[in-house]
C-alpha atoms as a PDB file:
ATOM      1  CA  MET A   1      24.211  30.956  -0.604  1.00  0.00           C
ATOM      2  CA  ALA A   2      20.715  31.084  -1.454  1.00  0.00           C
ATOM      3  CA  LYS A   3      19.300  32.268  -4.560  1.00  0.00           C
ATOM      4  CA  GLN A   4      17.210  34.661  -4.067  1.00  0.00           C
ATOM      5  CA  GLY A   5      13.974  34.462  -6.051  1.00  0.00           C
ATOM      6  CA  LYS A   6      12.265  37.230  -8.637  1.00  0.00           C
ATOM      7  CA  ILE A   7       9.815  39.785  -7.142  1.00  0.00           C
ATOM      8  CA  ARG A   8       6.425  38.829  -8.564  1.00  0.00           C
ATOM      9  CA  VAL A   9       3.360  41.965  -7.932  1.00  0.00           C
ATOM     10  CA  ILE A  10      -0.098  39.947  -7.355  1.00  0.00           C
ATOM     11  CA  LYS A  11      -2.662  42.696  -8.518  1.00  0.00           C
ATOM     12  CA  PRO A  12      -5.787  41.917  -6.537  1.00  0.00           C
ATOM     13  CA  CYS A  13      -9.003  41.453  -8.886  1.00  0.00           C
ATOM     14  CA  ARG A  14     -12.240  43.735  -8.295  1.00  0.00           C
ATOM     15  CA  ARG A  15     -14.147  40.821  -6.710  1.00  0.00           C
ATOM     16  CA  LEU A  16     -13.819  37.300  -5.551  1.00  0.00           C
ATOM     17  CA  GLU A  17     -17.019  35.639  -5.188  1.00  0.00           C
ATOM     18  CA  GLY A  18     -17.231  31.480  -4.365  1.00  0.00           C
ATOM     19  CA  GLU A  19     -16.621  28.987  -1.474  1.00  0.00           C
ATOM     20  CA  VAL A  20     -14.089  26.478  -0.875  1.00  0.00           C
ATOM     21  CA  THR A  21     -14.404  23.501   1.327  1.00  0.00           C
ATOM     22  CA  PRO A  22     -10.445  22.273   0.948  1.00  0.00           C
ATOM     23  CA  PRO A  23      -9.792  17.994   1.837  1.00  0.00           C
ATOM     24  CA  GLY A  24     -10.141  16.637   5.209  1.00  0.00           C
ATOM     25  CA  ASP A  25      -6.671  17.100   7.153  1.00  0.00           C
ATOM     26  CA  LYS A  26      -6.064  13.535   8.465  1.00  0.00           C
ATOM     27  CA  SER A  27      -4.096  14.077  11.582  1.00  0.00           C
ATOM     28  CA  ILE A  28      -7.079  16.901  12.812  1.00  0.00           C
ATOM     29  CA  SER A  29      -9.644  13.520  11.404  1.00  0.00           C
ATOM     30  CA  HIS A  30      -7.649  11.312  13.646  1.00  0.00           C
ATOM     31  CA  ARG A  31      -7.756  13.186  17.169  1.00  0.00           C
ATOM     32  CA  ALA A  32     -11.189  14.348  16.314  1.00  0.00           C
ATOM     33  CA  VAL A  33     -12.449  11.030  16.178  1.00  0.00           C
ATOM     34  CA  ILE A  34     -10.474   9.922  19.060  1.00  0.00           C
ATOM     35  CA  LEU A  35     -10.974  12.331  21.584  1.00  0.00           C
ATOM     36  CA  ASN A  36     -15.175  12.458  20.466  1.00  0.00           C
ATOM     37  CA  SER A  37     -15.124   8.891  20.897  1.00  0.00           C
ATOM     38  CA  ILE A  38     -13.902   8.874  24.399  1.00  0.00           C
ATOM     39  CA  ALA A  39     -15.936  12.176  25.735  1.00  0.00           C
ATOM     40  CA  SER A  40     -19.461  11.760  27.009  1.00  0.00           C
ATOM     41  CA  GLY A  41     -22.415  12.634  24.861  1.00  0.00           C
ATOM     42  CA  GLU A  42     -23.133  12.673  20.991  1.00  0.00           C
ATOM     43  CA  ALA A  43     -20.731  15.282  18.536  1.00  0.00           C
ATOM     44  CA  GLU A  44     -20.813  15.493  14.930  1.00  0.00           C
ATOM     45  CA  ILE A  45     -17.262  15.818  13.155  1.00  0.00           C
ATOM     46  CA  GLY A  46     -17.492  18.041   9.393  1.00  0.00           C
ATOM     47  CA  ASN A  47     -15.373  16.931   6.890  1.00  0.00           C
ATOM     48  CA  PHE A  48     -13.813  13.808   7.906  1.00  0.00           C
ATOM     49  CA  SER A  49     -10.739  13.184   6.045  1.00  0.00           C
ATOM     50  CA  SER A  50     -11.595   9.760   3.302  1.00  0.00           C
ATOM     51  CA  GLY A  51      -8.367   8.213   4.209  1.00  0.00           C
ATOM     52  CA  LYS A  52      -8.254   5.123   4.682  1.00  0.00           C
ATOM     53  CA  ASP A  53      -5.590   5.141   7.659  1.00  0.00           C
ATOM     54  CA  CYS A  54      -8.854   7.276   9.497  1.00  0.00           C
ATOM     55  CA  TRP A  55     -10.868   4.688   8.357  1.00  0.00           C
ATOM     56  CA  SER A  56      -9.334   2.428  10.016  1.00  0.00           C
ATOM     57  CA  THR A  57      -8.820   4.536  13.283  1.00  0.00           C
ATOM     58  CA  VAL A  58     -12.239   4.501  13.047  1.00  0.00           C
ATOM     59  CA  SER A  59     -12.770   0.307  13.052  1.00  0.00           C
ATOM     60  CA  CYS A  60     -10.681   0.109  15.739  1.00  0.00           C
ATOM     61  CA  LEU A  61     -12.703   2.464  17.981  1.00  0.00           C
ATOM     62  CA  ARG A  62     -15.855   0.587  17.172  1.00  0.00           C
ATOM     63  CA  ALA A  63     -13.496  -2.953  18.288  1.00  0.00           C
ATOM     64  CA  LEU A  64     -13.553  -1.215  21.118  1.00  0.00           C
ATOM     65  CA  GLY A  65     -17.082  -0.914  21.473  1.00  0.00           C
ATOM     66  CA  ALA A  66     -17.362   3.268  20.442  1.00  0.00           C
ATOM     67  CA  GLN A  67     -20.476   3.788  18.532  1.00  0.00           C
ATOM     68  CA  ILE A  68     -19.877   5.833  15.974  1.00  0.00           C
ATOM     69  CA  ARG A  69     -21.618   6.126  12.390  1.00  0.00           C
ATOM     70  CA  ARG A  70     -21.059   7.908   9.260  1.00  0.00           C
ATOM     71  CA  SER A  71     -23.462  10.464   7.362  1.00  0.00           C
ATOM     72  CA  GLY A  72     -24.354  12.818   4.669  1.00  0.00           C
ATOM     73  CA  THR A  73     -22.407  10.792   2.109  1.00  0.00           C
END
């Protein structure tokens, strides 16, 4: 049998403010750059992952002729 965890009661705060920007997701970044490289027109991908493998995908797509530029570093 699995152990049962303790029940924790969480009381919400009165007011919560701010902005959270999570890090870019690698899987979605790969898909976004691949699909946009074969689409017509221009597209902007926000919060692109900084992972080396994502930038390797960009390099491969550029080698195949896709025009990809980085902005807002």
